[in-house]
Amino acid sequence: MTPEPRSMEPLHKSELPSGPWWNLSMDFCGSLNTGDYLLVIIDEYSWYPVVETVKSVSANATIPVLDKVLGMFGTPCVIKSDNGCPFNSHAFSKYASHMGFEHRRATPRWPRANAQAESIIKPLMKVIRAAYIVSKNWKQELVQFLRQYRATPHTSTECSPYRLMFSLEPKTQLPEVSVKRQKPAEPLVDEQVRRNDSQTKYRASSYADNRNRVHHRDISVGDTVMVKNEFKENKLSTVYDPTPRMVTNKKGPMVTVSGNITRNVSRFKKVDFKPREIHPEEEAMEDQHKNPTSPYVEPRSARQPEVSPPPDQPSTRVGRPRREGKKPQYPKDYVC
């Protein structure tokens, strides 16, 4: 039941997609003070963000907005999201099958699995909060932020998302030399982007692993584990759920156990559990606890033979034992 120090699993670096708008990450941001939500979509190759405003996070409100974006940029191969309500619905699954893209859901309760969409939400909300404090139109400030973000070279690729997305240099208000905007050499740019992306991810994962003192968990299908409690009800709640569960499926760092519970491998603790034999007395007590209205019947092996007292001997009363009274000894010291 005790927690393990620094029990986080090492980071798993994702591979860069084959080209722009092949793999997308998607997440919701909000709700805002106006009751609106932001649907954030980002391309995993170019880091090109698309943000749309929705009134609800239901599938009926999300699918038309997503269909508008896909109609503008094209249908990707993979769209990755969390396990929110609209992405678990039958309507969204039917829409993904109709459009022809694969919908991948990240590990439940593990935001790091959808880190690319989560990373842009932080500066996005910072801009909206700043606009709200100074009483500016947050929608106009959001458009200006996205314009600057798309034209700024990203630290991972060292190229701007606009250039990788459209193979053109973005036109900004910064002074520049007047040259003809030509399409860059794609093989050279792609090779440079992949090299920079690999180096950046390696440095980031090495730093995070050293900081968290990570170690690999030897958990495979068929092992008995305990799940870490996400929330504690009170001070007496244990770190791990004492109910042992069996691992039924494992896909990378995503582990599924009995009870259809899916978490990251860092949320499990491997235990050596051996089921003990249940005696008839314990089984009868367990049945009495589950059904308190039913009378408790002792097993036949635990019953004692009833012995009736002889007819000439009165029955002794069974009750609380009494102390035997004795006279005090101090009067013997006095002589009359």
Protein backbone atom coordinates (compact mmCIF):
# COMPACT_ATOMS: atom_id res chain seq x y z
CA MET A 1 0.00 0.00 0.00
CA THR A 2 2.97 2.32 0.43
CA PRO A 3 3.89 4.63 -2.46
CA GLU A 4 7.03 4.06 -4.45
CA PRO A 5 9.45 6.99 -4.62
CA ARG A 6 9.66 8.58 -8.06
CA SER A 7 7.65 5.79 -9.67
CA MET A 8 7.18 7.52 -13.02
CA GLU A 9 7.82 5.63 -16.25
CA PRO A 10 10.40 7.07 -18.71
CA LEU A 11 9.00 9.27 -21.45
CA HIS A 12 8.21 7.64 -24.78
CA LYS A 13 9.19 9.87 -27.68
CA SER A 14 6.72 9.92 -30.56
CA GLU A 15 7.92 9.73 -34.14
CA LEU A 16 7.49 12.66 -36.48
CA PRO A 17 4.73 12.04 -39.07
CA SER A 18 5.55 11.64 -42.74
CA GLY A 19 4.28 15.09 -43.67
CA PRO A 20 2.07 18.02 -42.67
CA TRP A 21 -1.54 17.41 -41.71
CA TRP A 22 -1.09 13.66 -41.45
CA ASN A 23 -1.42 13.34 -37.66
CA LEU A 24 -3.44 15.80 -35.59
CA SER A 25 -3.86 16.29 -31.85
CA MET A 26 -7.10 17.71 -30.52
CA ASP A 27 -8.34 18.90 -27.13
CA PHE A 28 -10.83 21.26 -25.50
CA CYS A 29 -10.01 24.41 -23.55
CA GLY A 30 -12.48 26.07 -21.21
CA SER A 31 -15.06 26.85 -20.30
CA LEU A 32 -14.47 30.61 -20.54
CA ASN A 33 -16.33 33.36 -18.70
CA THR A 34 -18.66 33.70 -21.71
CA GLY A 35 -19.61 30.02 -21.55
CA ASP A 36 -17.71 29.20 -24.74
CA TYR A 37 -15.20 26.41 -25.26
CA LEU A 38 -12.16 26.36 -27.51
CA LEU A 39 -11.53 23.40 -29.78
CA VAL A 40 -7.75 23.28 -30.21
CA ILE A 41 -6.33 21.31 -33.16
CA ILE A 42 -2.58 21.16 -33.85
CA ASP A 43 -0.60 19.44 -36.57
CA GLU A 44 2.04 17.13 -35.10
CA TYR A 45 4.48 17.67 -37.98
CA SER A 46 4.46 21.44 -38.40
CA TRP A 47 2.96 22.52 -35.03
CA TYR A 48 0.40 24.56 -37.00
CA PRO A 49 -2.52 25.38 -34.63
CA VAL A 50 -6.19 25.83 -35.47
CA VAL A 51 -8.55 27.13 -32.78
CA GLU A 52 -12.33 27.24 -33.13
CA THR A 53 -15.02 28.42 -30.70
CA VAL A 54 -17.84 26.04 -29.74
CA LYS A 55 -20.81 26.50 -27.46
CA SER A 56 -20.78 22.97 -26.08
CA VAL A 57 -18.47 19.96 -25.83
CA SER A 58 -21.13 17.56 -27.09
CA ALA A 59 -20.61 15.53 -30.24
CA ASN A 60 -23.41 17.38 -32.05
CA ALA A 61 -21.59 20.69 -31.51
CA THR A 62 -18.06 19.38 -32.11
CA ILE A 63 -18.52 17.43 -35.34
CA PRO A 64 -19.72 20.38 -37.50
CA VAL A 65 -16.79 22.55 -36.36
CA LEU A 66 -14.29 19.75 -36.97
CA ASP A 67 -15.85 19.07 -40.36
CA LYS A 68 -15.35 22.74 -41.26
CA VAL A 69 -11.63 22.52 -40.41
CA LEU A 70 -11.15 19.27 -42.33
CA GLY A 71 -12.95 20.75 -45.30
CA MET A 72 -10.50 23.64 -45.30
CA PHE A 73 -7.20 21.72 -44.82
CA GLY A 74 -8.10 18.17 -45.83
CA THR A 75 -8.71 14.88 -44.04
CA PRO A 76 -5.73 13.58 -41.99
CA CYS A 77 -4.73 10.00 -41.41
CA VAL A 78 -4.86 10.05 -37.60
CA ILE A 79 -6.57 12.30 -35.07
CA LYS A 80 -5.53 11.87 -31.45
CA SER A 81 -7.62 13.09 -28.53
CA ASP A 82 -8.32 12.40 -24.88
CA ASN A 83 -11.23 10.37 -23.52
CA GLY A 84 -13.71 13.24 -23.24
CA CYS A 85 -17.46 12.89 -23.72
CA PRO A 86 -17.67 13.83 -27.44
CA PHE A 87 -14.76 11.59 -28.43
CA ASN A 88 -16.24 8.52 -26.73
CA SER A 89 -19.62 8.88 -28.39
CA HIS A 90 -21.00 6.65 -31.12
CA ALA A 91 -21.64 9.71 -33.31
CA PHE A 92 -17.97 10.67 -33.37
CA SER A 93 -16.91 7.09 -34.08
CA LYS A 94 -19.37 7.00 -36.97
CA TYR A 95 -18.05 10.33 -38.27
CA ALA A 96 -14.44 9.09 -38.16
CA SER A 97 -15.41 5.98 -40.10
CA HIS A 98 -17.27 8.09 -42.66
CA MET A 99 -14.36 10.52 -43.18
CA GLY A 100 -11.75 7.75 -43.29
CA PHE A 101 -9.35 8.81 -40.52
CA GLU A 102 -8.19 6.77 -37.53
CA HIS A 103 -9.25 8.06 -34.13
CA ARG A 104 -6.74 7.33 -31.37
CA ARG A 105 -7.62 8.00 -27.75
CA ALA A 106 -4.87 8.74 -25.28
CA THR A 107 -4.39 6.95 -21.97
CA PRO A 108 -7.11 7.96 -19.49
CA ARG A 109 -6.04 10.36 -16.72
CA TRP A 110 -2.63 10.86 -18.32
CA PRO A 111 -2.40 14.30 -20.04
CA ARG A 112 1.20 13.63 -21.10
CA ALA A 113 -0.13 11.21 -23.72
CA ASN A 114 -1.69 14.19 -25.53
CA ALA A 115 1.09 16.62 -24.69
CA GLN A 116 1.25 18.37 -28.06
CA ALA A 117 -2.29 19.71 -27.74
CA GLU A 118 -1.85 20.38 -24.03
CA SER A 119 1.31 22.43 -24.60
CA ILE A 120 -0.38 25.14 -26.67
CA ILE A 121 -3.29 25.53 -24.24
CA LYS A 122 -1.03 27.13 -21.61
CA PRO A 123 0.05 30.19 -23.69
CA LEU A 124 -3.43 30.30 -25.20
CA MET A 125 -5.10 30.75 -21.83
CA LYS A 126 -2.43 33.23 -20.76
CA VAL A 127 -3.38 35.50 -23.69
CA ILE A 128 -7.10 35.22 -22.92
CA ARG A 129 -6.58 36.02 -19.23
CA ALA A 130 -4.44 39.05 -20.09
CA ALA A 131 -7.09 40.32 -22.52
CA TYR A 132 -9.79 39.88 -19.90
CA ILE A 133 -7.82 41.83 -17.27
CA VAL A 134 -7.20 44.85 -19.55
CA SER A 135 -10.79 44.70 -20.90
CA LYS A 136 -9.87 43.85 -24.48
CA ASN A 137 -11.66 41.65 -26.98
CA TRP A 138 -10.23 38.23 -26.24
CA LYS A 139 -11.24 36.85 -29.65
CA GLN A 140 -9.21 39.53 -31.45
CA GLU A 141 -6.25 38.94 -29.13
CA LEU A 142 -6.54 35.21 -29.83
CA VAL A 143 -6.35 35.81 -33.60
CA GLN A 144 -3.27 37.98 -33.15
CA PHE A 145 -1.61 35.35 -30.96
CA LEU A 146 -2.23 32.60 -33.52
CA ARG A 147 -0.83 34.78 -36.30
CA GLN A 148 2.39 35.35 -34.36
CA TYR A 149 2.63 31.73 -33.26
CA ARG A 150 2.35 30.41 -36.81
CA ALA A 151 5.02 32.78 -38.10
CA THR A 152 7.55 32.17 -35.29
CA PRO A 153 10.17 29.37 -35.67
CA HIS A 154 9.37 26.58 -33.26
CA THR A 155 12.04 25.40 -30.81
CA SER A 156 11.47 21.76 -31.81
CA THR A 157 11.81 22.13 -35.59
CA GLU A 158 13.57 25.53 -35.83
CA CYS A 159 11.12 26.37 -38.62
CA SER A 160 7.88 28.29 -38.49
CA PRO A 161 4.66 26.26 -38.54
CA TYR A 162 3.46 28.31 -41.51
CA ARG A 163 6.50 27.36 -43.60
CA LEU A 164 6.22 23.65 -42.84
CA MET A 165 2.48 23.68 -43.41
CA PHE A 166 2.34 25.56 -46.71
CA SER A 167 6.00 25.38 -47.89
CA LEU A 168 6.13 29.20 -47.97
CA GLU A 169 7.76 31.83 -45.82
CA PRO A 170 5.13 33.81 -43.92
CA LYS A 171 4.76 37.52 -44.62
CA THR A 172 5.06 39.50 -41.39
CA GLN A 173 5.44 43.12 -40.38
CA LEU A 174 9.13 42.66 -39.61
CA PRO A 175 11.54 44.35 -42.02
CA GLU A 176 12.96 41.90 -44.53
CA VAL A 177 14.90 41.83 -47.77
CA SER A 178 12.62 41.91 -50.77
CA VAL A 179 13.12 38.53 -52.41
CA LYS A 180 10.90 36.36 -54.52
CA ARG A 181 8.90 33.95 -52.38
CA GLN A 182 9.85 30.60 -53.79
CA LYS A 183 8.96 27.16 -52.66
CA PRO A 184 11.85 25.72 -50.60
CA ALA A 185 13.54 22.45 -51.35
CA GLU A 186 11.32 19.94 -49.58
CA PRO A 187 13.83 17.09 -49.04
CA LEU A 188 16.38 19.40 -47.41
CA VAL A 189 13.80 21.09 -45.21
CA ASP A 190 12.26 17.77 -44.15
CA GLU A 191 15.67 16.31 -43.29
CA GLN A 192 16.56 19.36 -41.21
CA VAL A 193 13.19 19.32 -39.43
CA ARG A 194 13.50 15.66 -38.51
CA ARG A 195 17.04 16.12 -37.20
CA ASN A 196 16.07 19.13 -35.08
CA ASP A 197 12.93 17.42 -33.80
CA SER A 198 14.84 14.30 -32.78
CA GLN A 199 17.51 16.29 -30.94
CA THR A 200 14.96 18.42 -29.11
CA LYS A 201 12.89 15.44 -28.00
CA TYR A 202 16.01 13.63 -26.82
CA ARG A 203 17.13 16.58 -24.69
CA ALA A 204 13.65 17.07 -23.25
CA SER A 205 13.14 13.39 -22.42
CA SER A 206 16.61 13.06 -20.88
CA TYR A 207 16.02 16.10 -18.67
CA ALA A 208 12.60 14.87 -17.56
CA ASP A 209 13.83 11.33 -16.87
CA ASN A 210 16.77 12.54 -14.79
CA ARG A 211 14.57 14.92 -12.85
CA ASN A 212 11.92 12.31 -12.08
CA ARG A 213 14.45 9.51 -11.41
CA VAL A 214 12.42 7.20 -13.57
CA HIS A 215 12.73 3.44 -13.83
CA HIS A 216 11.12 0.82 -16.04
CA ARG A 217 8.27 -1.25 -14.62
CA ASP A 218 8.35 -4.94 -15.39
CA ILE A 219 4.59 -5.40 -15.85
CA SER A 220 3.23 -7.80 -18.43
CA VAL A 221 -0.06 -9.49 -19.28
CA GLY A 222 -1.15 -11.87 -16.52
CA ASP A 223 0.57 -10.04 -13.65
CA THR A 224 -1.31 -9.03 -10.51
CA VAL A 225 -1.21 -5.31 -9.78
CA MET A 226 -2.88 -2.63 -7.66
CA VAL A 227 -4.18 0.63 -9.12
CA LYS A 228 -3.16 3.97 -7.65
CA ASN A 229 -6.06 5.98 -6.27
CA GLU A 230 -6.57 9.23 -8.15
CA PHE A 231 -8.46 10.89 -5.30
CA LYS A 232 -8.36 10.34 -1.54
CA GLU A 233 -11.65 10.37 0.33
CA ASN A 234 -10.09 11.03 3.73
CA LYS A 235 -6.82 10.83 5.63
CA LEU A 236 -7.17 7.08 6.09
CA SER A 237 -7.41 6.37 2.37
CA THR A 238 -4.56 4.28 1.00
CA VAL A 239 -2.32 5.30 -1.88
CA TYR A 240 -3.23 2.18 -3.87
CA ASP A 241 -6.56 0.43 -4.16
CA PRO A 242 -6.19 -2.74 -2.04
CA THR A 243 -8.20 -4.77 -4.57
CA PRO A 244 -5.75 -6.84 -6.66
CA ARG A 245 -6.38 -6.84 -10.40
CA MET A 246 -4.96 -8.82 -13.30
CA VAL A 247 -3.35 -7.23 -16.36
CA THR A 248 -5.39 -8.12 -19.45
CA ASN A 249 -3.73 -5.96 -22.13
CA LYS A 250 -0.65 -3.81 -22.58
CA LYS A 251 0.11 -1.47 -25.47
CA GLY A 252 3.28 0.48 -24.90
CA PRO A 253 2.91 2.45 -21.64
CA MET A 254 -0.89 1.97 -21.66
CA VAL A 255 -2.03 -0.92 -19.45
CA THR A 256 -5.55 -2.35 -19.09
CA VAL A 257 -6.51 -4.45 -16.06
CA SER A 258 -9.59 -6.40 -15.03
CA GLY A 259 -12.61 -4.20 -14.54
CA ASN A 260 -11.88 -2.41 -17.84
CA ILE A 261 -9.55 0.09 -16.15
CA THR A 262 -6.92 1.65 -18.43
CA ARG A 263 -4.11 3.78 -17.02
CA ASN A 264 -0.47 4.57 -17.62
CA VAL A 265 1.94 1.92 -16.39
CA SER A 266 3.19 4.36 -13.73
CA ARG A 267 -0.20 4.13 -12.00
CA PHE A 268 0.20 0.44 -11.19
CA LYS A 269 2.15 -1.46 -8.55
CA LYS A 270 3.04 -5.09 -9.10
CA VAL A 271 2.28 -7.40 -6.18
CA ASP A 272 2.77 -11.08 -5.44
CA PHE A 273 -0.78 -12.08 -4.65
CA LYS A 274 -1.74 -15.65 -3.82
CA PRO A 275 -5.40 -16.37 -3.09
CA ARG A 276 -5.75 -18.00 0.33
CA GLU A 277 -8.14 -20.81 1.17
CA ILE A 278 -11.47 -19.77 2.65
CA HIS A 279 -12.64 -21.89 5.58
CA PRO A 280 -16.32 -22.77 5.98
CA GLU A 281 -16.62 -20.49 9.05
CA GLU A 282 -15.29 -17.48 7.10
CA GLU A 283 -17.56 -18.25 4.16
CA ALA A 284 -20.60 -18.36 6.43
CA MET A 285 -19.61 -15.07 8.10
CA GLU A 286 -19.16 -13.46 4.65
CA ASP A 287 -22.63 -14.63 3.58
CA GLN A 288 -24.09 -13.21 6.79
CA HIS A 289 -22.37 -9.88 6.11
CA LYS A 290 -23.73 -9.72 2.55
CA ASN A 291 -27.26 -10.78 3.62
CA PRO A 292 -27.84 -9.44 7.14
CA THR A 293 -31.54 -10.46 7.07
CA SER A 294 -30.73 -14.13 6.64
CA PRO A 295 -30.05 -16.07 9.89
CA TYR A 296 -26.51 -17.17 10.53
CA VAL A 297 -26.11 -20.93 10.52
CA GLU A 298 -22.92 -22.43 11.83
CA PRO A 299 -21.32 -25.13 9.73
CA ARG A 300 -21.91 -28.66 10.89
CA SER A 301 -18.23 -29.21 11.71
CA ALA A 302 -18.16 -26.18 14.03
CA ARG A 303 -21.25 -27.14 16.08
CA GLN A 304 -20.73 -28.44 19.64
CA PRO A 305 -22.93 -31.25 20.98
CA GLU A 306 -25.53 -29.99 23.37
CA VAL A 307 -25.20 -31.52 26.88
CA SER A 308 -28.28 -31.34 29.07
CA PRO A 309 -27.73 -31.18 32.86
CA PRO A 310 -28.80 -34.15 35.04
CA PRO A 311 -32.36 -34.03 36.35
CA ASP A 312 -31.26 -33.87 40.04
CA GLN A 313 -28.74 -31.07 39.48
CA PRO A 314 -30.04 -27.53 39.20
CA SER A 315 -29.01 -25.56 36.15
CA THR A 316 -26.27 -23.04 36.78
CA ARG A 317 -26.84 -19.52 35.60
CA VAL A 318 -24.43 -18.42 32.94
CA GLY A 319 -23.54 -14.77 33.31
CA ARG A 320 -20.83 -12.35 34.30
CA PRO A 321 -18.41 -13.86 36.90
CA ARG A 322 -18.51 -12.31 40.35
CA ARG A 323 -15.65 -11.63 42.71
CA GLU A 324 -15.40 -13.67 45.88
CA GLY A 325 -15.95 -11.53 48.98
CA LYS A 326 -13.41 -11.72 51.84
CA LYS A 327 -13.34 -10.06 55.28
CA PRO A 328 -10.64 -7.43 55.80
CA GLN A 329 -7.51 -8.38 57.78
CA TYR A 330 -6.87 -5.14 59.68
CA PRO A 331 -9.40 -5.85 62.59
CA LYS A 332 -7.16 -8.71 63.76
CA ASP A 333 -4.55 -6.22 64.93
CA TYR A 334 -6.83 -4.92 67.67
CA VAL A 335 -7.37 -6.89 70.94
CA CYS A 336 -10.43 -6.18 73.06
